[in-house]
Amino acid sequence: MKPHSSRPWWLFGLGWLALLAGRCPAGEAPRGDLWAGENLVAWCIVPYDAKKRDSAARAAMLGQGGLRRLAYDWRAEQVASFDEEGVVMKPHRVELFAWWFPTKLDGNARKIPDMIGRHQIHPQRWVTGGGEPTKSDAEQTARVVSEVKRIRLMADEAARLGCHVGLYNHGGWLGEPENQMEGVAGLRAEGVKEVGLVYNFHHGHDHVSRFAWMWPRVQAAELAVNLNGMAAVPGRGEGKILPLSERVNELAMMRIIGARGWRGPVGILNHRAEVDAEVGLRRNLAGLEKLAGGILTK
């Protein structure tokens, strides 16, 4: 059973294994400097922004700051501006790199591929799930079969548009990377190749103790990693969204990722509705700069 200035401001900061072995993150070419600004993705800055920027202001903020990738998190009030997002990012040379996707193909979800097709972009789709822990091998097998069926509907549509689906750890059963890997293996067995994982530190506080064991087993499927400060003692009330470099576990986890040779995209969060998104990004970029010198051994 599975464990159930004039400088841009980012410069101030900086069979599973047999099935997946040797692969770079799907859709991504290998990158030299994992923690460099060109490899960073702004994440959780749309509904999480005290200034409540509209699409144009958000594009200007990212473009002026030099961050060239956005993972788009949204709420119902943003649906009407999906097309505007695609329009205003282009003049600022900001790529819509990923798109938060609903758990099923509902009405809002179906507006996303329409927008993607019109603008001829190819963002990853970050898909979540949940579920209580399974209690038996039979229940585990049934859960995997059910999730493969659900995700395949999204993956088939994504493939037609040249996109990948990333299973996003967000708590619950599907928040466990080992379970996600079973889902990826099941999809690959059906010939669905455009699916991988998106690992979020902020939903991984409970993974800290097993991260050194877990990461080598999932890294080949990882499409992206989103950073966060990691609690010294998970579960002791430090909260979920924590600044980079102000805790103790994120450096060890980032060293493991770097040492294992993974070179996919790296997300930098705000994820606090009461904080100006630019301020939140700056704070975490400054934290990344503090950490970066000790992460990779040359």
Foldseek 3Di string as FASTA:
>chain_A
DPPLVQAQLLVLFWVLCVVQPPAAAPPDDFDDAQTGQQQEEEEAQQLQAQVNDDLQVVLVLCLSNVRQEYADDDDPVCLVCLLVNLVNNVVSNHADAEYEAEQACDPSRVSVVVSCVVSLHAHEYEHEDAAARDDDPVRLVVVLVVSLVRVVVVLVSSVVSVYAYAYEQDYHSSNDLVSVSSNQVVNVVVVRDRYAHEAEQLNCLVCLVVLLVVCVSRLSRYQEYEDAAHAQRPPPPPHRHHAAQPHPRRLVNLLSCQVVSHRHGYYQYQNHNNHHGSVSSSRNSNNNRVRVVPRHDD
